PDB file of N, CA and C in Angstrom:
ATOM      1  N   MET A   1      13.333  29.600 -69.124  1.00  0.00           N
ATOM      2  CA  MET A   1      14.795  28.742 -69.719  1.00  0.00           C
ATOM      3  C   MET A   1      15.658  28.320 -68.530  1.00  0.00           C
ATOM      4  N   GLU A   2      16.279  27.700 -68.900  1.00  0.00           N
ATOM      5  CA  GLU A   2      17.278  26.750 -67.776  1.00  0.00           C
ATOM      6  C   GLU A   2      18.555  26.801 -68.800  1.00  0.00           C
ATOM      7  N   THR A   3      19.697  27.302 -67.967  1.00  0.00           N
ATOM      8  CA  THR A   3      21.339  27.394 -68.355  1.00  0.00           C
ATOM      9  C   THR A   3      21.906  27.234 -67.594  1.00  0.00           C
ATOM     10  N   THR A   4      23.053  26.734 -67.484  1.00  0.00           N
ATOM     11  CA  THR A   4      24.008  26.788 -66.677  1.00  0.00           C
ATOM     12  C   THR A   4      25.282  28.438 -66.644  1.00  0.00           C
ATOM     13  N   VAL A   5      25.990  28.398 -65.661  1.00  0.00           N
ATOM     14  CA  VAL A   5      26.357  29.566 -65.510  1.00  0.00           C
ATOM     15  C   VAL A   5      27.155  29.938 -66.238  1.00  0.00           C
ATOM     16  N   LEU A   6      28.302  28.998 -67.003  1.00  0.00           N
ATOM     17  CA  LEU A   6      28.970  29.108 -68.096  1.00  0.00           C
ATOM     18  C   LEU A   6      28.046  29.717 -69.327  1.00  0.00           C
ATOM     19  N   GLN A   7      27.035  29.110 -69.570  1.00  0.00           N
ATOM     20  CA  GLN A   7      26.546  29.581 -70.905  1.00  0.00           C
ATOM     21  C   GLN A   7      25.681  31.129 -70.408  1.00  0.00           C
ATOM     22  N   ALA A   8      25.558  31.496 -69.351  1.00  0.00           N
ATOM     23  CA  ALA A   8      25.028  32.466 -68.747  1.00  0.00           C
ATOM     24  C   ALA A   8      26.031  33.628 -68.737  1.00  0.00           C
ATOM     25  N   LYS A   9      27.412  33.398 -68.698  1.00  0.00           N
ATOM     26  CA  LYS A   9      28.390  34.323 -68.789  1.00  0.00           C
ATOM     27  C   LYS A   9      28.031  34.668 -70.153  1.00  0.00           C
ATOM     28  N   ASN A  10      28.053  34.075 -70.777  1.00  0.00           N
ATOM     29  CA  ASN A  10      28.303  34.133 -72.189  1.00  0.00           C
ATOM     30  C   ASN A  10      27.275  35.016 -72.829  1.00  0.00           C
ATOM     31  N   HIS A  11      26.240  34.704 -72.390  1.00  0.00           N
ATOM     32  CA  HIS A  11      25.245  35.349 -73.055  1.00  0.00           C
ATOM     33  C   HIS A  11      24.076  35.807 -72.570  1.00  0.00           C
ATOM     34  N   PHE A  12      24.545  36.718 -71.246  1.00  0.00           N
ATOM     35  CA  PHE A  12      24.077  37.330 -69.961  1.00  0.00           C
ATOM     36  C   PHE A  12      23.211  38.629 -70.432  1.00  0.00           C
ATOM     37  N   SER A  13      23.524  39.122 -71.541  1.00  0.00           N
ATOM     38  CA  SER A  13      22.579  40.367 -71.964  1.00  0.00           C
ATOM     39  C   SER A  13      21.128  39.895 -72.569  1.00  0.00           C
ATOM     40  N   LYS A  14      21.649  38.701 -73.302  1.00  0.00           N
ATOM     41  CA  LYS A  14      19.957  37.885 -73.845  1.00  0.00           C
ATOM     42  C   LYS A  14      19.427  37.594 -72.822  1.00  0.00           C
ATOM     43  N   LEU A  15      20.247  36.840 -71.848  1.00  0.00           N
ATOM     44  CA  LEU A  15      19.275  36.387 -70.508  1.00  0.00           C
ATOM     45  C   LEU A  15      18.598  37.839 -69.734  1.00  0.00           C
ATOM     46  N   LEU A  16      19.292  38.437 -69.969  1.00  0.00           N
ATOM     47  CA  LEU A  16      18.874  39.767 -69.034  1.00  0.00           C
ATOM     48  C   LEU A  16      17.706  40.456 -69.624  1.00  0.00           C
ATOM     49  N   ARG A  17      17.531  40.711 -71.033  1.00  0.00           N
ATOM     50  CA  ARG A  17      16.124  40.807 -71.990  1.00  0.00           C
ATOM     51  C   ARG A  17      14.787  39.924 -71.724  1.00  0.00           C
ATOM     52  N   GLN A  18      15.626  38.528 -71.785  1.00  0.00           N
ATOM     53  CA  GLN A  18      14.414  37.465 -71.265  1.00  0.00           C
ATOM     54  C   GLN A  18      13.676  37.946 -70.148  1.00  0.00           C
ATOM     55  N   ALA A  19      14.604  38.007 -69.081  1.00  0.00           N
ATOM     56  CA  ALA A  19      14.063  38.461 -67.721  1.00  0.00           C
ATOM     57  C   ALA A  19      13.242  39.539 -67.685  1.00  0.00           C
ATOM     58  N   GLU A  20      13.660  40.503 -68.673  1.00  0.00           N
ATOM     59  CA  GLU A  20      12.599  41.842 -68.504  1.00  0.00           C
ATOM     60  C   GLU A  20      11.374  41.766 -69.227  1.00  0.00           C
ATOM     61  N   ARG A  21      11.270  40.786 -70.118  1.00  0.00           N
ATOM     62  CA  ARG A  21      10.044  40.253 -70.519  1.00  0.00           C
ATOM     63  C   ARG A  21       9.261  39.815 -69.872  1.00  0.00           C
ATOM     64  N   GLY A  22       9.553  39.257 -68.916  1.00  0.00           N
ATOM     65  CA  GLY A  22       8.875  38.282 -68.088  1.00  0.00           C
ATOM     66  C   GLY A  22       9.044  37.312 -68.174  1.00  0.00           C
ATOM     67  N   GLU A  23      10.150  36.269 -68.551  1.00  0.00           N
ATOM     68  CA  GLU A  23      10.290  35.245 -69.031  1.00  0.00           C
ATOM     69  C   GLU A  23      11.106  34.498 -67.794  1.00  0.00           C
ATOM     70  N   ARG A  24      11.047  33.001 -66.982  1.00  0.00           N
ATOM     71  CA  ARG A  24      11.546  32.774 -66.126  1.00  0.00           C
ATOM     72  C   ARG A  24      12.979  32.091 -66.441  1.00  0.00           C
ATOM     73  N   VAL A  25      13.857  32.762 -65.780  1.00  0.00           N
ATOM     74  CA  VAL A  25      15.234  32.245 -66.377  1.00  0.00           C
ATOM     75  C   VAL A  25      16.046  31.621 -65.346  1.00  0.00           C
ATOM     76  N   VAL A  26      16.705  30.460 -65.582  1.00  0.00           N
ATOM     77  CA  VAL A  26      16.958  29.493 -64.228  1.00  0.00           C
ATOM     78  C   VAL A  26      18.692  29.458 -64.573  1.00  0.00           C
ATOM     79  N   ILE A  27      19.435  29.879 -63.641  1.00  0.00           N
ATOM     80  CA  ILE A  27      20.754  29.612 -63.692  1.00  0.00           C
ATOM     81  C   ILE A  27      21.194  28.589 -63.128  1.00  0.00           C
ATOM     82  N   ARG A  28      21.922  27.668 -63.307  1.00  0.00           N
ATOM     83  CA  ARG A  28      22.301  26.362 -62.855  1.00  0.00           C
ATOM     84  C   ARG A  28      23.837  26.220 -62.503  1.00  0.00           C
ATOM     85  N   ARG A  29      24.210  25.795 -61.503  1.00  0.00           N
ATOM     86  CA  ARG A  29      26.030  25.497 -61.248  1.00  0.00           C
ATOM     87  C   ARG A  29      25.702  24.150 -61.739  1.00  0.00           C
ATOM     88  N   GLY A  30      26.319  23.928 -62.875  1.00  0.00           N
ATOM     89  CA  GLY A  30      26.419  22.614 -63.501  1.00  0.00           C
ATOM     90  C   GLY A  30      24.926  21.625 -63.748  1.00  0.00           C
ATOM     91  N   ARG A  31      25.456  20.645 -64.205  1.00  0.00           N
ATOM     92  CA  ARG A  31      23.792  20.350 -64.333  1.00  0.00           C
ATOM     93  C   ARG A  31      22.780  19.790 -63.163  1.00  0.00           C
ATOM     94  N   GLY A  32      23.444  19.558 -62.190  1.00  0.00           N
ATOM     95  CA  GLY A  32      23.003  19.091 -60.894  1.00  0.00           C
ATOM     96  C   GLY A  32      23.163  20.057 -59.747  1.00  0.00           C
ATOM     97  N   GLY A  33      23.863  21.244 -59.921  1.00  0.00           N
ATOM     98  CA  GLY A  33      24.155  22.158 -58.791  1.00  0.00           C
ATOM     99  C   GLY A  33      22.831  23.067 -58.310  1.00  0.00           C
ATOM    100  N   LYS A  34      23.366  23.981 -57.359  1.00  0.00           N
ATOM    101  CA  LYS A  34      22.126  25.074 -56.972  1.00  0.00           C
ATOM    102  C   LYS A  34      21.508  25.485 -58.402  1.00  0.00           C
ATOM    103  N   ALA A  35      20.518  26.181 -58.095  1.00  0.00           N
ATOM    104  CA  ALA A  35      19.979  26.994 -59.268  1.00  0.00           C
ATOM    105  C   ALA A  35      19.445  28.304 -58.627  1.00  0.00           C
ATOM    106  N   PHE A  36      19.604  29.161 -59.358  1.00  0.00           N
ATOM    107  CA  PHE A  36      19.183  30.719 -59.150  1.00  0.00           C
ATOM    108  C   PHE A  36      18.645  31.132 -60.183  1.00  0.00           C
ATOM    109  N   LEU A  37      17.202  31.628 -59.953  1.00  0.00           N
ATOM    110  CA  LEU A  37      16.476  32.508 -60.646  1.00  0.00           C
ATOM    111  C   LEU A  37      16.545  33.781 -60.979  1.00  0.00           C
ATOM    112  N   LEU A  38      16.697  34.257 -61.832  1.00  0.00           N
ATOM    113  CA  LEU A  38      16.947  35.468 -62.273  1.00  0.00           C
ATOM    114  C   LEU A  38      15.519  36.121 -62.860  1.00  0.00           C
ATOM    115  N   SER A  39      15.370  37.444 -62.065  1.00  0.00           N
ATOM    116  CA  SER A  39      13.906  37.870 -62.831  1.00  0.00           C
ATOM    117  C   SER A  39      13.862  39.537 -62.025  1.00  0.00           C
ATOM    118  N   ALA A  40      13.207  40.146 -63.209  1.00  0.00           N
ATOM    119  CA  ALA A  40      13.187  41.638 -63.179  1.00  0.00           C
ATOM    120  C   ALA A  40      12.532  42.183 -62.173  1.00  0.00           C
ATOM    121  N   VAL A  41      12.909  43.202 -61.504  1.00  0.00           N
ATOM    122  CA  VAL A  41      12.469  43.708 -60.302  1.00  0.00           C
ATOM    123  C   VAL A  41      11.953  45.416 -60.828  1.00  0.00           C
ATOM    124  N   GLU A  42      10.840  45.851 -59.806  1.00  0.00           N
ATOM    125  CA  GLU A  42      10.514  46.959 -60.380  1.00  0.00           C
ATOM    126  C   GLU A  42      11.608  48.292 -60.328  1.00  0.00           C
ATOM    127  N   THR A  43      11.666  49.186 -61.056  1.00  0.00           N
ATOM    128  CA  THR A  43      12.494  50.413 -60.924  1.00  0.00           C
ATOM    129  C   THR A  43      12.747  50.943 -59.690  1.00  0.00           C
ATOM    130  N   PRO A  44      14.130  50.938 -59.060  1.00  0.00           N
ATOM    131  CA  PRO A  44      13.944  51.441 -57.875  1.00  0.00           C
ATOM    132  C   PRO A  44      13.605  52.983 -57.768  1.00  0.00           C
ATOM    133  N   ALA A  45      13.198  53.464 -56.706  1.00  0.00           N
ATOM    134  CA  ALA A  45      12.919  54.982 -56.625  1.00  0.00           C
ATOM    135  C   ALA A  45      13.839  55.825 -56.828  1.00  0.00           C
ATOM    136  N   SER A  46      13.585  57.049 -57.702  1.00  0.00           N
ATOM    137  CA  SER A  46      14.911  57.897 -57.808  1.00  0.00           C
ATOM    138  C   SER A  46      15.413  58.747 -56.446  1.00  0.00           C
ATOM    139  N   ARG A  47      16.737  59.014 -56.345  1.00  0.00           N
ATOM    140  CA  ARG A  47      17.307  59.487 -55.052  1.00  0.00           C
ATOM    141  C   ARG A  47      16.760  60.562 -55.086  1.00  0.00           C
ATOM    142  N   THR A  48      16.605  61.476 -53.682  1.00  0.00           N
ATOM    143  CA  THR A  48      16.208  62.559 -53.402  1.00  0.00           C
ATOM    144  C   THR A  48      17.272  63.191 -52.502  1.00  0.00           C
ATOM    145  N   LEU A  49      17.230  64.328 -52.302  1.00  0.00           N
ATOM    146  CA  LEU A  49      18.133  65.190 -51.506  1.00  0.00           C
ATOM    147  C   LEU A  49      17.513  65.665 -50.277  1.00  0.00           C
ATOM    148  N   ASN A  50      16.048  65.218 -50.049  1.00  0.00           N
ATOM    149  CA  ASN A  50      15.364  65.140 -48.711  1.00  0.00           C
ATOM    150  C   ASN A  50      16.058  64.604 -47.603  1.00  0.00           C
ATOM    151  N   PRO A  51      16.013  65.014 -46.671  1.00  0.00           N
ATOM    152  CA  PRO A  51      16.515  64.287 -45.502  1.00  0.00           C
ATOM    153  C   PRO A  51      15.272  63.141 -45.246  1.00  0.00           C
ATOM    154  N   ASN A  52      16.255  61.872 -44.769  1.00  0.00           N
ATOM    155  CA  ASN A  52      15.272  60.727 -44.437  1.00  0.00           C
ATOM    156  C   ASN A  52      14.571  60.895 -43.060  1.00  0.00           C
ATOM    157  N   PRO A  53      13.372  61.029 -42.873  1.00  0.00           N
ATOM    158  CA  PRO A  53      12.964  61.228 -41.262  1.00  0.00           C
ATOM    159  C   PRO A  53      13.249  60.076 -40.516  1.00  0.00           C
ATOM    160  N   ARG A  54      13.484  58.636 -40.841  1.00  0.00           N
ATOM    161  CA  ARG A  54      13.860  58.053 -39.723  1.00  0.00           C
ATOM    162  C   ARG A  54      15.392  58.253 -39.284  1.00  0.00           C
ATOM    163  N   TRP A  55      16.129  59.675 -39.680  1.00  0.00           N
ATOM    164  CA  TRP A  55      16.981  59.977 -38.943  1.00  0.00           C
ATOM    165  C   TRP A  55      17.046  61.079 -38.094  1.00  0.00           C
ATOM    166  N   SER A  56      15.964  61.701 -38.184  1.00  0.00           N
ATOM    167  CA  SER A  56      15.613  62.683 -37.658  1.00  0.00           C
ATOM    168  C   SER A  56      15.822  62.530 -35.633  1.00  0.00           C
ATOM    169  N   GLY A  57      16.556  63.626 -35.506  1.00  0.00           N
ATOM    170  CA  GLY A  57      16.894  63.364 -34.076  1.00  0.00           C
ATOM    171  C   GLY A  57      17.710  62.549 -33.421  1.00  0.00           C
ATOM    172  N   LYS A  58      18.540  61.568 -34.347  1.00  0.00           N
ATOM    173  CA  LYS A  58      19.300  60.599 -34.314  1.00  0.00           C
ATOM    174  C   LYS A  58      20.835  60.999 -34.449  1.00  0.00           C
ATOM    175  N   ILE A  59      20.889  62.042 -35.071  1.00  0.00           N
ATOM    176  CA  ILE A  59      22.159  62.652 -35.552  1.00  0.00           C
ATOM    177  C   ILE A  59      22.556  63.673 -34.312  1.00  0.00           C
ATOM    178  N   LYS A  60      23.657  63.262 -33.918  1.00  0.00           N
ATOM    179  CA  LYS A  60      24.218  64.312 -32.829  1.00  0.00           C
ATOM    180  C   LYS A  60      25.430  65.531 -33.012  1.00  0.00           C
ATOM    181  N   PHE A  61      25.428  65.739 -34.165  1.00  0.00           N
ATOM    182  CA  PHE A  61      26.749  66.464 -34.428  1.00  0.00           C
ATOM    183  C   PHE A  61      25.949  67.523 -35.450  1.00  0.00           C
ATOM    184  N   LYS A  62      26.781  68.271 -35.651  1.00  0.00           N
ATOM    185  CA  LYS A  62      26.438  69.795 -36.609  1.00  0.00           C
ATOM    186  C   LYS A  62      27.237  69.871 -37.491  1.00  0.00           C
ATOM    187  N   ASP A  63      27.160  70.213 -38.613  1.00  0.00           N
ATOM    188  CA  ASP A  63      28.148  70.776 -39.619  1.00  0.00           C
ATOM    189  C   ASP A  63      29.605  71.589 -39.167  1.00  0.00           C
ATOM    190  N   THR A  64      28.945  72.583 -38.398  1.00  0.00           N
ATOM    191  CA  THR A  64      29.698  73.656 -37.860  1.00  0.00           C
ATOM    192  C   THR A  64      31.238  72.877 -37.012  1.00  0.00           C
ATOM    193  N   ASP A  65      30.524  71.773 -36.049  1.00  0.00           N
ATOM    194  CA  ASP A  65      31.236  71.374 -35.345  1.00  0.00           C
ATOM    195  C   ASP A  65      32.557  70.119 -36.364  1.00  0.00           C
ATOM    196  N   ILE A  66      32.057  69.871 -37.734  1.00  0.00           N
ATOM    197  CA  ILE A  66      32.963  69.029 -38.641  1.00  0.00           C
ATOM    198  C   ILE A  66      33.783  70.314 -39.038  1.00  0.00           C
ATOM    199  N   TRP A  67      33.327  71.436 -39.352  1.00  0.00           N
ATOM    200  CA  TRP A  67      34.272  72.286 -40.114  1.00  0.00           C
ATOM    201  C   TRP A  67      35.199  72.908 -39.093  1.00  0.00           C
ATOM    202  N   ALA A  68      34.905  72.833 -37.537  1.00  0.00           N
ATOM    203  CA  ALA A  68      35.823  73.225 -36.821  1.00  0.00           C
ATOM    204  C   ALA A  68      36.952  72.323 -36.565  1.00  0.00           C
ATOM    205  N   SER A  69      36.457  71.106 -36.582  1.00  0.00           N
ATOM    206  CA  SER A  69      37.437  70.210 -36.370  1.00  0.00           C
ATOM    207  C   SER A  69      38.404  70.026 -37.594  1.00  0.00           C
ATOM    208  N   GLU A  70      38.111  70.257 -38.745  1.00  0.00           N
ATOM    209  CA  GLU A  70      38.880  70.191 -40.194  1.00  0.00           C
ATOM    210  C   GLU A  70      39.599  71.499 -40.001  1.00  0.00           C
ATOM    211  N   TRP A  71      39.633  72.426 -39.709  1.00  0.00           N
ATOM    212  CA  TRP A  71      39.925  73.574 -40.136  1.00  0.00           C
ATOM    213  C   TRP A  71      40.586  74.564 -38.691  1.00  0.00           C
ATOM    214  N   ARG A  72      41.438  73.482 -37.885  1.00  0.00           N
ATOM    215  CA  ARG A  72      41.840  73.891 -36.698  1.00  0.00           C
ATOM    216  C   ARG A  72      43.344  74.583 -37.399  1.00  0.00           C
ATOM    217  N   ASP A  73      43.532  75.507 -36.391  1.00  0.00           N
ATOM    218  CA  ASP A  73      45.156  76.353 -37.057  1.00  0.00           C
ATOM    219  C   ASP A  73      46.177  74.821 -36.425  1.00  0.00           C
ATOM    220  N   GLU A  74      46.951  74.819 -37.383  1.00  0.00           N
ATOM    221  CA  GLU A  74      48.234  73.921 -37.044  1.00  0.00           C
ATOM    222  C   GLU A  74      49.195  74.365 -35.957  1.00  0.00           C
ATOM    223  N   PRO A  75      49.935  74.022 -35.116  1.00  0.00           N
ATOM    224  CA  PRO A  75      50.863  75.054 -34.154  1.00  0.00           C
ATOM    225  C   PRO A  75      51.922  75.023 -34.755  1.00  0.00           C
TER     226      PRO A  75
END
């Protein structure tokens, strides 16, 4: 299906359902403008509280340092 931005704005939920079903949805700026393809993507992975191994060894501060700086006695 091909539609304009104005029509897409008014029928966005319908277009999302079509994209979820695997239909090709093209949104165009006016009649001859740039076109954008609306497509469904895989469900993102759920968030976890486990540390990311890519950051291992790259963080230079400790929680105790943060607490110490936040709770200094005021003069």
